[in-house]
PDB file of all heavy atoms in Angstrom:
ATOM      1  N   THR A   1      11.196-150.740 -39.538  1.00  0.00           N
ATOM      2  CA  THR A   1      11.503-149.756 -40.569  1.00  0.00           C
ATOM      3  C   THR A   1      12.973-149.350 -40.508  1.00  0.00           C
ATOM      4  O   THR A   1      13.659-149.244 -41.532  1.00  0.00           O
ATOM      5  CB  THR A   1      10.600-148.517 -40.405  1.00  0.00           C
ATOM      6  OG1 THR A   1       9.226-148.916 -40.458  1.00  0.00           O
ATOM      7  CG2 THR A   1      10.878-147.495 -41.487  1.00  0.00           C
ATOM      8  N   LEU A   2      13.463-149.130 -39.300  1.00  0.00           N
ATOM      9  CA  LEU A   2      14.829-148.676 -39.098  1.00  0.00           C
ATOM     10  C   LEU A   2      15.858-149.757 -39.444  1.00  0.00           C
ATOM     11  O   LEU A   2      16.766-149.532 -40.262  1.00  0.00           O
ATOM     12  CB  LEU A   2      15.012-148.231 -37.647  1.00  0.00           C
ATOM     13  CG  LEU A   2      16.416-147.803 -37.213  1.00  0.00           C
ATOM     14  CD1 LEU A   2      16.809-146.499 -37.899  1.00  0.00           C
ATOM     15  CD2 LEU A   2      16.480-147.644 -35.690  1.00  0.00           C
ATOM     16  N   LEU A   3      15.715-150.928 -38.830  1.00  0.00           N
ATOM     17  CA  LEU A   3      16.778-151.923 -38.904  1.00  0.00           C
ATOM     18  C   LEU A   3      16.556-153.014 -39.954  1.00  0.00           C
ATOM     19  O   LEU A   3      17.523-153.563 -40.487  1.00  0.00           O
ATOM     20  CB  LEU A   3      16.971-152.586 -37.535  1.00  0.00           C
ATOM     21  CG  LEU A   3      17.403-151.627 -36.413  1.00  0.00           C
ATOM     22  CD1 LEU A   3      17.553-152.383 -35.101  1.00  0.00           C
ATOM     23  CD2 LEU A   3      18.692-150.913 -36.769  1.00  0.00           C
ATOM     24  N   ASP A   4      15.305-153.335 -40.251  1.00  0.00           N
ATOM     25  CA  ASP A   4      15.052-154.405 -41.216  1.00  0.00           C
ATOM     26  C   ASP A   4      14.972-153.890 -42.651  1.00  0.00           C
ATOM     27  O   ASP A   4      15.302-154.616 -43.590  1.00  0.00           O
ATOM     28  CB  ASP A   4      13.762-155.149 -40.863  1.00  0.00           C
ATOM     29  CG  ASP A   4      13.827-155.819 -39.502  1.00  0.00           C
ATOM     30  OD1 ASP A   4      14.942-155.932 -38.960  1.00  0.00           O
ATOM     31  OD2 ASP A   4      12.771-156.198 -38.973  1.00  0.00           O
ATOM     32  N   VAL A   5      14.534-152.637 -42.796  1.00  0.00           N
ATOM     33  CA  VAL A   5      14.418-152.060 -44.142  1.00  0.00           C
ATOM     34  C   VAL A   5      15.559-151.083 -44.424  1.00  0.00           C
ATOM     35  O   VAL A   5      16.379-151.290 -45.321  1.00  0.00           O
ATOM     36  CB  VAL A   5      13.053-151.364 -44.331  1.00  0.00           C
ATOM     37  CG1 VAL A   5      12.991-150.671 -45.691  1.00  0.00           C
ATOM     38  CG2 VAL A   5      11.922-152.379 -44.224  1.00  0.00           C
ATOM     39  N   ALA A   6      15.632-150.021 -43.625  1.00  0.00           N
ATOM     40  CA  ALA A   6      16.575-148.943 -43.944  1.00  0.00           C
ATOM     41  C   ALA A   6      18.026-149.390 -43.826  1.00  0.00           C
ATOM     42  O   ALA A   6      18.861-149.021 -44.666  1.00  0.00           O
ATOM     43  CB  ALA A   6      16.312-147.745 -43.034  1.00  0.00           C
ATOM     44  N   MET A   7      18.355-150.154 -42.796  1.00  0.00           N
ATOM     45  CA  MET A   7      19.751-150.547 -42.620  1.00  0.00           C
ATOM     46  C   MET A   7      20.255-151.391 -43.784  1.00  0.00           C
ATOM     47  O   MET A   7      21.443-151.401 -44.099  1.00  0.00           O
ATOM     48  CB  MET A   7      19.939-151.312 -41.312  1.00  0.00           C
ATOM     49  CG  MET A   7      21.425-151.509 -40.944  1.00  0.00           C
ATOM     50  SD  MET A   7      21.662-152.176 -39.289  1.00  0.00           S
ATOM     51  CE  MET A   7      21.100-153.857 -39.508  1.00  0.00           C
ATOM     52  N   HIS A   8      19.323-152.077 -44.449  1.00  0.00           N
ATOM     53  CA  HIS A   8      19.698-152.889 -45.598  1.00  0.00           C
ATOM     54  C   HIS A   8      19.542-152.141 -46.922  1.00  0.00           C
ATOM     55  O   HIS A   8      19.759-152.725 -47.993  1.00  0.00           O
ATOM     56  CB  HIS A   8      18.852-154.168 -45.626  1.00  0.00           C
ATOM     57  CG  HIS A   8      19.115-155.084 -44.463  1.00  0.00           C
ATOM     58  ND1 HIS A   8      18.369-155.044 -43.310  1.00  0.00           N
ATOM     59  CD2 HIS A   8      20.054-156.035 -44.287  1.00  0.00           C
ATOM     60  CE1 HIS A   8      18.830-155.950 -42.467  1.00  0.00           C
ATOM     61  NE2 HIS A   8      19.859-156.565 -43.028  1.00  0.00           N
ATOM     62  N   GLY A   9      19.133-150.883 -46.861  1.00  0.00           N
ATOM     63  CA  GLY A   9      18.992-150.088 -48.082  1.00  0.00           C
ATOM     64  C   GLY A   9      17.972-150.654 -49.042  1.00  0.00           C
ATOM     65  O   GLY A   9      18.169-150.619 -50.265  1.00  0.00           O
ATOM     66  N   LEU A  10      16.848-151.142 -48.500  1.00  0.00           N
ATOM     67  CA  LEU A  10      15.881-151.854 -49.340  1.00  0.00           C
ATOM     68  C   LEU A  10      14.825-150.922 -49.919  1.00  0.00           C
ATOM     69  O   LEU A  10      14.337-150.004 -49.236  1.00  0.00           O
ATOM     70  CB  LEU A  10      15.199-152.949 -48.511  1.00  0.00           C
ATOM     71  CG  LEU A  10      16.138-154.058 -48.025  1.00  0.00           C
ATOM     72  CD1 LEU A  10      15.407-154.976 -47.052  1.00  0.00           C
ATOM     73  CD2 LEU A  10      16.683-154.844 -49.207  1.00  0.00           C
ATOM     74  N   PRO A  11      14.440-151.156 -51.171  1.00  0.00           N
ATOM     75  CA  PRO A  11      13.426-150.313 -51.817  1.00  0.00           C
ATOM     76  C   PRO A  11      12.012-150.708 -51.401  1.00  0.00           C
ATOM     77  O   PRO A  11      11.333-151.491 -52.064  1.00  0.00           O
ATOM     78  CB  PRO A  11      13.659-150.585 -53.314  1.00  0.00           C
ATOM     79  CG  PRO A  11      14.190-151.986 -53.355  1.00  0.00           C
ATOM     80  CD  PRO A  11      15.008-152.162 -52.101  1.00  0.00           C
ATOM     81  N   VAL A  12      11.573-150.179 -50.284  1.00  0.00           N
ATOM     82  CA  VAL A  12      10.211-150.371 -49.790  1.00  0.00           C
ATOM     83  C   VAL A  12       9.557-149.001 -49.714  1.00  0.00           C
ATOM     84  O   VAL A  12      10.139-148.063 -49.162  1.00  0.00           O
ATOM     85  CB  VAL A  12      10.206-151.031 -48.392  1.00  0.00           C
ATOM     86  CG1 VAL A  12       8.779-151.110 -47.850  1.00  0.00           C
ATOM     87  CG2 VAL A  12      10.843-152.414 -48.442  1.00  0.00           C
ATOM     88  N   THR A  13       8.371-148.864 -50.276  1.00  0.00           N
ATOM     89  CA  THR A  13       7.643-147.604 -50.221  1.00  0.00           C
ATOM     90  C   THR A  13       6.523-147.711 -49.203  1.00  0.00           C
ATOM     91  O   THR A  13       5.660-148.586 -49.296  1.00  0.00           O
ATOM     92  CB  THR A  13       7.061-147.236 -51.593  1.00  0.00           C
ATOM     93  OG1 THR A  13       8.142-146.985 -52.506  1.00  0.00           O
ATOM     94  CG2 THR A  13       6.192-145.988 -51.509  1.00  0.00           C
ATOM     95  N   PHE A  14       6.532-146.820 -48.222  1.00  0.00           N
ATOM     96  CA  PHE A  14       5.477-146.741 -47.220  1.00  0.00           C
ATOM     97  C   PHE A  14       4.512-145.635 -47.622  1.00  0.00           C
ATOM     98  O   PHE A  14       4.935-144.498 -47.867  1.00  0.00           O
ATOM     99  CB  PHE A  14       6.068-146.415 -45.843  1.00  0.00           C
ATOM    100  CG  PHE A  14       7.021-147.448 -45.319  1.00  0.00           C
ATOM    101  CD1 PHE A  14       8.374-147.385 -45.613  1.00  0.00           C
ATOM    102  CD2 PHE A  14       6.563-148.497 -44.534  1.00  0.00           C
ATOM    103  CE1 PHE A  14       9.259-148.333 -45.132  1.00  0.00           C
ATOM    104  CE2 PHE A  14       7.444-149.454 -44.044  1.00  0.00           C
ATOM    105  CZ  PHE A  14       8.793-149.377 -44.352  1.00  0.00           C
ATOM    106  N   VAL A  15       3.229-145.969 -47.673  1.00  0.00           N
ATOM    107  CA  VAL A  15       2.212-144.968 -47.978  1.00  0.00           C
ATOM    108  C   VAL A  15       1.384-144.771 -46.717  1.00  0.00           C
ATOM    109  O   VAL A  15       0.665-145.681 -46.280  1.00  0.00           O
ATOM    110  CB  VAL A  15       1.339-145.403 -49.160  1.00  0.00           C
ATOM    111  CG1 VAL A  15       0.213-144.391 -49.386  1.00  0.00           C
ATOM    112  CG2 VAL A  15       2.184-145.534 -50.424  1.00  0.00           C
ATOM    113  N   LEU A  16       1.514-143.589 -46.119  1.00  0.00           N
ATOM    114  CA  LEU A  16       0.902-143.309 -44.829  1.00  0.00           C
ATOM    115  C   LEU A  16      -0.386-142.520 -45.010  1.00  0.00           C
ATOM    116  O   LEU A  16      -0.370-141.321 -45.303  1.00  0.00           O
ATOM    117  CB  LEU A  16       1.874-142.531 -43.942  1.00  0.00           C
ATOM    118  CG  LEU A  16       3.260-143.162 -43.745  1.00  0.00           C
ATOM    119  CD1 LEU A  16       4.054-142.374 -42.728  1.00  0.00           C
ATOM    120  CD2 LEU A  16       3.142-144.621 -43.340  1.00  0.00           C
ATOM    121  N   ASP A  17      -1.487-143.213 -44.846  1.00  0.00           N
ATOM    122  CA  ASP A  17      -2.811-142.612 -44.912  1.00  0.00           C
ATOM    123  C   ASP A  17      -3.121-141.973 -43.548  1.00  0.00           C
ATOM    124  O   ASP A  17      -2.517-142.312 -42.539  1.00  0.00           O
ATOM    125  CB  ASP A  17      -3.844-143.697 -45.223  1.00  0.00           C
ATOM    126  CG  ASP A  17      -5.076-143.171 -45.914  1.00  0.00           C
ATOM    127  OD1 ASP A  17      -5.620-142.162 -45.446  1.00  0.00           O
ATOM    128  OD2 ASP A  17      -5.508-143.777 -46.910  1.00  0.00           O
ATOM    129  N   ARG A  18      -4.075-141.047 -43.520  1.00  0.00           N
ATOM    130  CA  ARG A  18      -4.507-140.394 -42.278  1.00  0.00           C
ATOM    131  C   ARG A  18      -3.339-139.709 -41.558  1.00  0.00           C
ATOM    132  O   ARG A  18      -3.260-139.724 -40.331  1.00  0.00           O
ATOM    133  CB  ARG A  18      -5.162-141.385 -41.326  1.00  0.00           C
ATOM    134  CG  ARG A  18      -6.650-141.627 -41.549  1.00  0.00           C
ATOM    135  CD  ARG A  18      -6.941-142.408 -42.795  1.00  0.00           C
ATOM    136  NE  ARG A  18      -8.315-142.916 -42.800  1.00  0.00           N
ATOM    137  CZ  ARG A  18      -8.859-143.562 -43.813  1.00  0.00           C
ATOM    138  NH1 ARG A  18      -8.156-143.768 -44.925  1.00  0.00           N
ATOM    139  NH2 ARG A  18     -10.095-143.999 -43.747  1.00  0.00           N
ATOM    140  N   ALA A  19      -2.429-139.106 -42.296  1.00  0.00           N
ATOM    141  CA  ALA A  19      -1.330-138.385 -41.673  1.00  0.00           C
ATOM    142  C   ALA A  19      -1.821-137.040 -41.145  1.00  0.00           C
ATOM    143  O   ALA A  19      -2.755-136.446 -41.688  1.00  0.00           O
ATOM    144  CB  ALA A  19      -0.201-138.174 -42.673  1.00  0.00           C
ATOM    145  N   GLY A  20      -1.170-136.555 -40.094  1.00  0.00           N
ATOM    146  CA  GLY A  20      -1.529-135.273 -39.514  1.00  0.00           C
ATOM    147  C   GLY A  20      -2.692-135.381 -38.542  1.00  0.00           C
ATOM    148  O   GLY A  20      -3.033-136.455 -38.052  1.00  0.00           O
ATOM    149  N   ILE A  21      -3.304-134.253 -38.255  1.00  0.00           N
ATOM    150  CA  ILE A  21      -4.462-134.207 -37.353  1.00  0.00           C
ATOM    151  C   ILE A  21      -5.673-134.743 -38.099  1.00  0.00           C
ATOM    152  O   ILE A  21      -6.106-134.170 -39.099  1.00  0.00           O
ATOM    153  CB  ILE A  21      -4.729-132.763 -36.877  1.00  0.00           C
ATOM    154  CG1 ILE A  21      -3.597-132.274 -35.967  1.00  0.00           C
ATOM    155  CG2 ILE A  21      -6.070-132.677 -36.168  1.00  0.00           C
ATOM    156  CD1 ILE A  21      -3.558-132.918 -34.602  1.00  0.00           C
ATOM    157  N   THR A  22      -6.225-135.850 -37.597  1.00  0.00           N
ATOM    158  CA  THR A  22      -7.323-136.499 -38.313  1.00  0.00           C
ATOM    159  C   THR A  22      -8.689-136.222 -37.706  1.00  0.00           C
ATOM    160  O   THR A  22      -9.695-136.444 -38.352  1.00  0.00           O
ATOM    161  CB  THR A  22      -7.094-138.011 -38.371  1.00  0.00           C
ATOM    162  OG1 THR A  22      -6.840-138.496 -37.045  1.00  0.00           O
ATOM    163  CG2 THR A  22      -5.909-138.342 -39.255  1.00  0.00           C
ATOM    164  N   GLY A  23      -8.752-135.803 -36.433  1.00  0.00           N
ATOM    165  CA  GLY A  23     -10.021-135.344 -35.876  1.00  0.00           C
ATOM    166  C   GLY A  23     -10.780-136.293 -34.984  1.00  0.00           C
ATOM    167  O   GLY A  23     -10.343-136.575 -33.863  1.00  0.00           O
ATOM    168  N   PRO A  24     -11.920-136.842 -35.431  1.00  0.00           N
ATOM    169  CA  PRO A  24     -12.880-137.470 -34.524  1.00  0.00           C
ATOM    170  C   PRO A  24     -12.372-138.668 -33.725  1.00  0.00           C
ATOM    171  O   PRO A  24     -12.898-138.939 -32.648  1.00  0.00           O
ATOM    172  CB  PRO A  24     -14.011-137.902 -35.473  1.00  0.00           C
ATOM    173  CG  PRO A  24     -13.883-137.014 -36.647  1.00  0.00           C
ATOM    174  CD  PRO A  24     -12.434-136.757 -36.801  1.00  0.00           C
ATOM    175  N   ASP A  25     -11.400-139.401 -34.216  1.00  0.00           N
ATOM    176  CA  ASP A  25     -10.951-140.593 -33.506  1.00  0.00           C
ATOM    177  C   ASP A  25      -9.977-140.291 -32.373  1.00  0.00           C
ATOM    178  O   ASP A  25      -9.584-141.190 -31.632  1.00  0.00           O
ATOM    179  CB  ASP A  25     -10.313-141.591 -34.482  1.00  0.00           C
ATOM    180  CG  ASP A  25     -11.363-142.340 -35.283  1.00  0.00           C
ATOM    181  OD1 ASP A  25     -12.494-142.471 -34.782  1.00  0.00           O
ATOM    182  OD2 ASP A  25     -11.065-142.776 -36.404  1.00  0.00           O
ATOM    183  N   GLY A  26      -9.564-139.044 -32.234  1.00  0.00           N
ATOM    184  CA  GLY A  26      -8.799-138.665 -31.064  1.00  0.00           C
ATOM    185  C   GLY A  26      -7.312-138.922 -31.142  1.00  0.00           C
ATOM    186  O   GLY A  26      -6.779-139.348 -32.167  1.00  0.00           O
ATOM    187  N   PRO A  27      -6.613-138.663 -30.029  1.00  0.00           N
ATOM    188  CA  PRO A  27      -5.148-138.601 -30.038  1.00  0.00           C
ATOM    189  C   PRO A  27      -4.446-139.881 -30.446  1.00  0.00           C
ATOM    190  O   PRO A  27      -3.371-139.822 -31.038  1.00  0.00           O
ATOM    191  CB  PRO A  27      -4.796-138.208 -28.594  1.00  0.00           C
ATOM    192  CG  PRO A  27      -6.016-138.525 -27.785  1.00  0.00           C
ATOM    193  CD  PRO A  27      -7.177-138.327 -28.703  1.00  0.00           C
ATOM    194  N   SER A  28      -5.020-141.035 -30.150  1.00  0.00           N
ATOM    195  CA  SER A  28      -4.323-142.272 -30.522  1.00  0.00           C
ATOM    196  C   SER A  28      -4.309-142.488 -32.023  1.00  0.00           C
ATOM    197  O   SER A  28      -3.512-143.277 -32.531  1.00  0.00           O
ATOM    198  CB  SER A  28      -4.978-143.483 -29.842  1.00  0.00           C
ATOM    199  OG  SER A  28      -6.269-143.715 -30.365  1.00  0.00           O
ATOM    200  N   HIS A  29      -5.188-141.799 -32.737  1.00  0.00           N
ATOM    201  CA  HIS A  29      -5.264-141.977 -34.184  1.00  0.00           C
ATOM    202  C   HIS A  29      -4.683-140.804 -34.973  1.00  0.00           C
ATOM    203  O   HIS A  29      -4.683-140.838 -36.197  1.00  0.00           O
ATOM    204  CB  HIS A  29      -6.710-142.221 -34.622  1.00  0.00           C
ATOM    205  CG  HIS A  29      -7.121-143.656 -34.517  1.00  0.00           C
ATOM    206  ND1 HIS A  29      -6.989-144.386 -33.364  1.00  0.00           N
ATOM    207  CD2 HIS A  29      -7.639-144.512 -35.424  1.00  0.00           C
ATOM    208  CE1 HIS A  29      -7.429-145.615 -33.566  1.00  0.00           C
ATOM    209  NE2 HIS A  29      -7.823-145.720 -34.811  1.00  0.00           N
TER     210      HIS A  29
END
């Protein structure tokens, strides 16, 4: 994300599902 996308100023949209505290699956999730 940092060097392959952002450093080149590329238009890539990341959609992050399950953001924040998600609950039953625990800390790794």
